[in-house]
Amino acid sequence: MFSWDGALQGDDEQFSHFREVAKENNAQMTFFLTGTYLLPKSEASKYRPPRHKRGEMAISYATDQHIRDTLEQLRGAWLDGNEIGTHFNGHFCGAKGGGDWSPAEWKSEIDQSYSFVENWKTNTGYKDLPPLPFDYKKELAGGRAPCLEGQKNLLKAAKSFGWRYDASSPGDFQIWPSKTDGIWNFPLQLVPYPGTEQQVLSMDFNFLYNQSGDSTQGDPAQYERWRELTRTSYLNGFERVYNGSRAPLFIGNHFEDWNGGIYMKAVEDVVKSVCKRDGVRCVTFKQLADWLDVQDPQVLAKMRALDPAQSPDWKSLVK
């Protein structure tokens, strides 16, 4: 499962680029849309974030052109077979952020996520653009909280919307998913870091890079070194379960050119390497939830007990 937080078509055109990468490699992806990316800054007062002033955001509002471009990509992505999830709205972390919010405050944030997508035409005034090809009330089945904060109360709110999964867990080993309060828990995962015994969260390479003191600016060798470290970590995680328990692998990232785009290039390398392999399906979170829902719970429980690298006698396990 490859997923993207924010899902904005900015000047770097990462949204449209990864749509093409997905098509070329028989993949579907989950795009977690920040709802306020469809709200013009001139209409900022329509956003009422929990514990913050009206219109306040921890990120920037999208430009009018970026809103138009993002709407175009959302249409195309959904028609390609990808999923449109939610990254909520204001991207508040830390004090007064999602980790501090009550279930009622999360419910307000979710209600507004629906509203900004459903009412984009009214909010923007763009009468020359066609409607989105999906009903967000039916399409939206889960999301990822900013900074992976507040899952406990978020899940309490999500149940009232009939959501089927949540991808906000701050990390786990590569094991088969389980449900929390009736909702599938799809965490970012710990993957083997090359040349060490260390496991690193599959979205934390930027943190490691910043801690290292290295710089890729004007240094092609460092750029390639970090791109390869990230790529190899992802592939180590993939190979461990591909040759072992066959547990789903969750890789998440942002449409950001951090440190020269190292992580974007590494993810693209991995998509090209794994998505056409025998027995591999690169799918959306919703598609995985569909598949898990029709499996034998007893078989899933046995698979959940497997070590990531453990390849069982499949004929005896899955009868």
Protein backbone atom coordinates (compact mmCIF):
# COMPACT_ATOMS: atom_id res chain seq x y z
CA MET A 1 0.00 0.00 0.00
CA PHE A 2 1.48 3.29 -1.15
CA SER A 3 -0.20 6.37 0.31
CA TRP A 4 0.34 10.12 0.16
CA ASP A 5 -0.45 12.69 2.85
CA GLY A 6 -1.84 16.05 1.76
CA ALA A 7 -2.56 15.20 -1.91
CA LEU A 8 -2.00 18.68 -3.36
CA GLN A 9 -1.13 19.30 -7.00
CA GLY A 10 1.49 21.99 -6.43
CA ASP A 11 4.08 23.50 -8.74
CA ASP A 12 6.16 20.32 -8.56
CA GLU A 13 3.19 18.33 -9.99
CA GLN A 14 3.89 15.31 -7.76
CA PHE A 15 0.22 14.28 -7.67
CA SER A 16 -0.03 13.90 -11.44
CA HIS A 17 3.42 12.32 -11.60
CA PHE A 18 2.59 9.55 -9.17
CA ARG A 19 -0.72 8.93 -10.86
CA GLU A 20 1.31 8.09 -13.96
CA VAL A 21 3.78 5.98 -11.95
CA ALA A 22 0.83 4.00 -10.59
CA LYS A 23 -0.69 3.46 -14.05
CA GLU A 24 2.61 2.34 -15.54
CA ASN A 25 3.12 -0.26 -12.80
CA ASN A 26 -0.37 -1.76 -12.39
CA ALA A 27 -0.79 -0.05 -9.03
CA GLN A 28 -3.54 1.76 -7.19
CA MET A 29 -2.68 4.20 -4.41
CA THR A 30 -4.41 6.03 -1.57
CA PHE A 31 -4.33 9.82 -1.69
CA PHE A 32 -5.10 11.39 1.69
CA LEU A 33 -6.59 14.78 0.85
CA THR A 34 -6.24 17.74 3.18
CA GLY A 35 -9.78 19.12 2.97
CA THR A 36 -8.77 22.76 3.29
CA TYR A 37 -6.69 22.42 0.10
CA LEU A 38 -10.04 22.90 -1.66
CA LEU A 39 -10.91 26.01 0.38
CA PRO A 40 -9.67 29.38 -0.97
CA LYS A 41 -7.84 31.55 1.53
CA SER A 42 -10.49 34.21 0.94
CA GLU A 43 -12.99 31.77 2.50
CA ALA A 44 -10.73 30.78 5.42
CA SER A 45 -13.33 31.81 8.02
CA LYS A 46 -15.42 28.79 6.98
CA TYR A 47 -12.89 26.54 8.69
CA ARG A 48 -13.43 26.24 12.43
CA PRO A 49 -10.52 24.16 13.76
CA PRO A 50 -10.76 22.63 17.22
CA ARG A 51 -8.94 24.72 19.86
CA HIS A 52 -7.77 27.30 17.32
CA LYS A 53 -9.08 30.53 15.82
CA ARG A 54 -11.40 30.48 12.83
CA GLY A 55 -9.44 30.07 9.62
CA GLU A 56 -6.19 29.20 11.38
CA MET A 57 -4.02 26.48 9.89
CA ALA A 58 -0.60 25.01 10.68
CA ILE A 59 0.03 24.79 6.93
CA SER A 60 -0.55 27.23 4.09
CA TYR A 61 -3.79 27.55 2.15
CA ALA A 62 -3.51 26.45 -1.46
CA THR A 63 -3.39 29.07 -4.20
CA ASP A 64 -6.43 29.36 -6.45
CA GLN A 65 -4.53 27.70 -9.30
CA HIS A 66 -3.40 24.84 -7.07
CA ILE A 67 -7.01 24.27 -6.01
CA ARG A 68 -8.08 24.01 -9.64
CA ASP A 69 -5.19 21.68 -10.43
CA THR A 70 -5.87 19.53 -7.37
CA LEU A 71 -9.53 19.15 -8.34
CA GLU A 72 -8.42 17.93 -11.77
CA GLN A 73 -6.06 15.38 -10.22
CA LEU A 74 -8.66 14.14 -7.73
CA ARG A 75 -11.04 13.43 -10.61
CA GLY A 76 -8.40 11.60 -12.59
CA ALA A 77 -7.01 9.69 -9.62
CA TRP A 78 -10.41 8.31 -8.66
CA LEU A 79 -11.24 7.37 -12.25
CA ASP A 80 -7.87 5.57 -12.41
CA GLY A 81 -9.03 3.34 -9.54
CA ASN A 82 -7.17 5.10 -6.74
CA GLU A 83 -8.69 5.98 -3.37
CA ILE A 84 -9.37 9.44 -1.95
CA GLY A 85 -8.99 9.32 1.83
CA THR A 86 -8.55 12.23 4.24
CA HIS A 87 -5.61 13.92 5.95
CA PHE A 88 -8.18 16.10 7.74
CA ASN A 89 -7.76 19.89 7.56
CA GLY A 90 -5.50 22.15 9.59
CA HIS A 91 -2.55 19.81 10.19
CA PHE A 92 -2.27 20.74 13.86
CA CYS A 93 0.32 18.78 15.85
CA GLY A 94 1.61 19.03 19.40
CA ALA A 95 -0.13 21.33 21.88
CA LYS A 96 -3.79 21.91 20.94
CA GLY A 97 -3.36 19.48 18.05
CA GLY A 98 -5.05 16.17 17.30
CA GLY A 99 -3.45 14.45 20.26
CA ASP A 100 -5.36 16.79 22.59
CA TRP A 101 -8.70 16.65 20.81
CA SER A 102 -11.79 15.00 22.26
CA PRO A 103 -13.97 12.63 20.19
CA ALA A 104 -16.40 15.55 19.66
CA GLU A 105 -13.60 17.76 18.37
CA TRP A 106 -12.41 15.04 16.00
CA LYS A 107 -16.02 14.67 14.82
CA SER A 108 -16.10 18.39 14.02
CA GLU A 109 -12.83 18.11 12.08
CA ILE A 110 -14.20 15.12 10.12
CA ASP A 111 -17.51 16.86 9.38
CA GLN A 112 -15.57 19.76 7.92
CA SER A 113 -13.40 17.40 5.85
CA TYR A 114 -16.57 16.16 4.17
CA SER A 115 -17.92 19.68 3.77
CA PHE A 116 -14.87 21.14 2.04
CA VAL A 117 -14.85 18.34 -0.53
CA GLU A 118 -18.60 18.28 -1.09
CA ASN A 119 -18.99 22.07 -1.30
CA TRP A 120 -15.87 22.99 -3.26
CA LYS A 121 -17.87 24.57 -6.08
CA THR A 122 -19.79 26.86 -3.72
CA ASN A 123 -16.64 27.78 -1.79
CA THR A 124 -14.48 28.45 -4.86
CA GLY A 125 -17.09 29.81 -7.26
CA TYR A 126 -15.52 27.75 -10.07
CA LYS A 127 -18.51 27.18 -12.32
CA ASP A 128 -16.40 26.13 -15.33
CA LEU A 129 -15.16 22.89 -13.72
CA PRO A 130 -17.08 19.58 -13.78
CA PRO A 131 -18.19 17.94 -10.52
CA LEU A 132 -16.06 15.35 -8.82
CA PRO A 133 -17.01 11.85 -10.06
CA PHE A 134 -17.55 10.39 -6.59
CA ASP A 135 -19.83 10.87 -3.61
CA TYR A 136 -17.43 11.62 -0.76
CA LYS A 137 -19.94 10.32 1.78
CA LYS A 138 -19.54 6.91 0.10
CA GLU A 139 -15.90 7.21 -0.98
CA LEU A 140 -14.34 8.24 2.32
CA ALA A 141 -13.53 5.13 4.35
CA GLY A 142 -10.56 6.24 6.45
CA GLY A 143 -7.67 8.62 6.88
CA ARG A 144 -4.32 9.43 8.44
CA ALA A 145 -4.04 11.98 11.22
CA PRO A 146 -1.38 14.69 10.97
CA CYS A 147 1.81 13.65 12.80
CA LEU A 148 0.06 10.35 13.64
CA GLU A 149 -1.47 11.96 16.74
CA GLY A 150 -4.76 11.34 18.52
CA GLN A 151 -5.79 7.94 17.19
CA LYS A 152 -7.61 6.84 20.36
CA ASN A 153 -10.21 9.61 20.25
CA LEU A 154 -10.16 9.77 16.46
CA LEU A 155 -11.36 6.15 16.31
CA LYS A 156 -14.26 6.95 18.63
CA ALA A 157 -15.32 9.70 16.23
CA ALA A 158 -14.64 7.66 13.08
CA LYS A 159 -17.06 4.91 14.13
CA SER A 160 -19.99 7.30 13.86
CA PHE A 161 -19.11 7.87 10.18
CA GLY A 162 -18.90 4.17 9.38
CA TRP A 163 -15.20 4.33 8.54
CA ARG A 164 -13.57 0.98 7.87
CA TYR A 165 -9.91 1.65 8.60
CA ASP A 166 -7.51 4.14 10.13
CA ALA A 167 -3.87 4.71 9.11
CA SER A 168 -2.89 6.95 12.04
CA SER A 169 -1.06 4.44 14.21
CA PRO A 170 2.46 5.67 15.03
CA GLY A 171 4.05 2.42 13.94
CA ASP A 172 4.22 -1.33 14.35
CA PHE A 173 6.12 -4.33 13.09
CA GLN A 174 5.29 -5.88 9.73
CA ILE A 175 2.46 -8.09 10.92
CA TRP A 176 -0.94 -8.88 9.51
CA PRO A 177 -3.49 -6.17 10.44
CA SER A 178 -6.05 -6.41 13.21
CA LYS A 179 -9.05 -4.32 14.16
CA THR A 180 -9.28 -1.73 16.93
CA ASP A 181 -12.84 -1.04 18.09
CA GLY A 182 -14.13 -2.65 14.89
CA ILE A 183 -11.93 -0.56 12.56
CA TRP A 184 -8.96 -1.99 10.66
CA ASN A 185 -5.69 -0.59 11.99
CA PHE A 186 -3.21 0.05 9.17
CA PRO A 187 -0.05 1.43 10.81
CA LEU A 188 3.10 2.73 9.24
CA GLN A 189 5.66 -0.01 9.75
CA LEU A 190 9.18 -0.56 10.96
CA VAL A 191 11.51 -1.69 8.18
CA PRO A 192 15.15 -2.84 8.41
CA TYR A 193 17.70 -0.03 8.11
CA PRO A 194 20.62 -1.11 5.88
CA GLY A 195 23.77 -2.36 7.56
CA THR A 196 22.41 -2.15 11.12
CA GLU A 197 20.09 -3.94 13.54
CA GLN A 198 17.94 -0.79 13.59
CA GLN A 199 14.32 -0.67 12.46
CA VAL A 200 13.03 2.63 11.11
CA LEU A 201 9.46 3.82 10.58
CA SER A 202 8.54 3.80 6.90
CA MET A 203 8.05 7.59 6.89
CA ASP A 204 10.92 8.66 9.15
CA PHE A 205 13.89 8.90 6.80
CA ASN A 206 13.70 12.69 6.80
CA PHE A 207 14.19 12.62 10.58
CA LEU A 208 17.23 10.36 10.26
CA TYR A 209 18.66 12.55 7.52
CA ASN A 210 18.29 15.70 9.62
CA GLN A 211 19.92 13.95 12.59
CA SER A 212 22.87 12.84 10.47
CA GLY A 213 24.19 16.30 9.68
CA ASP A 214 24.62 15.32 6.02
CA SER A 215 23.64 17.63 3.19
CA THR A 216 22.56 16.69 -0.32
CA GLN A 217 22.60 20.29 -1.54
CA GLY A 218 25.17 20.47 -4.31
CA ASP A 219 26.45 17.02 -3.39
CA PRO A 220 25.28 14.34 -5.87
CA ALA A 221 27.12 11.61 -3.95
CA GLN A 222 25.21 12.32 -0.72
CA TYR A 223 21.96 12.57 -2.65
CA GLU A 224 22.48 9.12 -4.17
CA ARG A 225 23.62 7.69 -0.85
CA TRP A 226 20.44 8.75 0.97
CA ARG A 227 18.20 7.80 -1.93
CA GLU A 228 19.75 4.33 -1.90
CA LEU A 229 19.50 4.02 1.90
CA THR A 230 15.79 4.85 1.76
CA ARG A 231 15.15 2.62 -1.25
CA THR A 232 17.04 -0.30 0.31
CA SER A 233 15.16 0.05 3.61
CA TYR A 234 11.82 -0.13 1.82
CA LEU A 235 12.96 -3.10 -0.25
CA ASN A 236 14.36 -4.85 2.84
CA GLY A 237 10.93 -4.59 4.41
CA PHE A 238 9.29 -5.82 1.24
CA GLU A 239 11.63 -8.80 0.77
CA ARG A 240 11.23 -9.81 4.42
CA VAL A 241 7.49 -10.35 4.06
CA TYR A 242 7.50 -11.34 0.38
CA ASN A 243 9.67 -14.31 1.30
CA GLY A 244 8.08 -14.67 4.72
CA SER A 245 4.64 -14.00 6.18
CA ARG A 246 3.27 -12.11 3.15
CA ALA A 247 1.87 -9.45 5.49
CA PRO A 248 0.84 -6.19 3.77
CA LEU A 249 3.54 -3.52 3.59
CA PHE A 250 2.47 0.07 4.26
CA ILE A 251 4.62 2.86 2.82
CA GLY A 252 3.53 6.45 3.40
CA ASN A 253 4.99 9.74 2.23
CA HIS A 254 4.19 13.38 1.41
CA PHE A 255 4.17 15.32 -1.83
CA GLU A 256 7.24 17.25 -0.71
CA ASP A 257 10.65 17.70 -2.34
CA TRP A 258 12.46 17.43 0.97
CA ASN A 259 16.24 17.24 0.60
CA GLY A 260 16.12 17.31 -3.15
CA GLY A 261 13.31 14.80 -3.51
CA ILE A 262 15.29 11.81 -2.15
CA TYR A 263 12.25 10.09 -0.67
CA MET A 264 10.00 10.62 -3.67
CA LYS A 265 12.58 9.06 -5.97
CA ALA A 266 13.09 6.16 -3.57
CA VAL A 267 9.35 5.43 -3.40
CA GLU A 268 9.12 5.56 -7.18
CA ASP A 269 12.01 3.09 -7.43
CA VAL A 270 10.20 0.71 -5.08
CA VAL A 271 6.89 0.95 -6.98
CA LYS A 272 8.71 0.04 -10.18
CA SER A 273 10.57 -2.80 -8.47
CA VAL A 274 7.73 -4.58 -6.66
CA CYS A 275 4.30 -3.87 -8.15
CA LYS A 276 4.68 -6.16 -11.18
CA ARG A 277 6.19 -9.09 -9.29
CA ASP A 278 4.42 -12.44 -9.17
CA GLY A 279 1.91 -12.63 -6.34
CA VAL A 280 2.10 -8.91 -5.55
CA ARG A 281 -0.80 -6.47 -5.68
CA CYS A 282 -0.27 -2.76 -5.06
CA VAL A 283 -3.69 -1.70 -3.78
CA THR A 284 -5.49 0.97 -1.81
CA PHE A 285 -6.32 0.84 1.88
CA LYS A 286 -9.98 0.44 1.01
CA GLN A 287 -9.22 -2.50 -1.29
CA LEU A 288 -7.19 -4.16 1.47
CA ALA A 289 -10.08 -3.66 3.91
CA ASP A 290 -12.43 -5.26 1.36
CA TRP A 291 -10.11 -8.28 1.08
CA LEU A 292 -9.58 -8.66 4.83
CA ASP A 293 -13.32 -8.48 5.49
CA VAL A 294 -13.99 -11.66 3.50
CA GLN A 295 -11.17 -13.75 4.97
CA ASP A 296 -11.62 -16.45 7.59
CA PRO A 297 -10.98 -14.71 10.95
CA GLN A 298 -9.32 -17.84 12.34
CA VAL A 299 -6.88 -17.99 9.44
CA LEU A 300 -6.11 -14.27 9.84
CA ALA A 301 -5.44 -14.84 13.54
CA LYS A 302 -2.88 -17.55 12.67
CA MET A 303 -1.26 -15.30 10.07
CA ARG A 304 -1.09 -12.47 12.60
CA ALA A 305 1.03 -14.67 14.85
CA LEU A 306 3.71 -15.09 12.18
CA ASP A 307 7.06 -13.35 12.41
CA PRO A 308 7.47 -11.08 9.35
CA ALA A 309 10.26 -13.27 7.99
CA GLN A 310 8.47 -16.52 8.81
CA SER A 311 7.23 -18.44 5.77
CA PRO A 312 4.75 -21.04 7.03
CA ASP A 313 3.43 -24.18 5.41
CA TRP A 314 0.76 -22.30 3.49
CA LYS A 315 -1.15 -25.44 2.47
CA SER A 316 -1.74 -26.36 6.09
CA LEU A 317 -2.36 -22.79 7.25
CA VAL A 318 -4.80 -21.77 4.51
CA LYS A 319 -7.14 -24.67 3.87
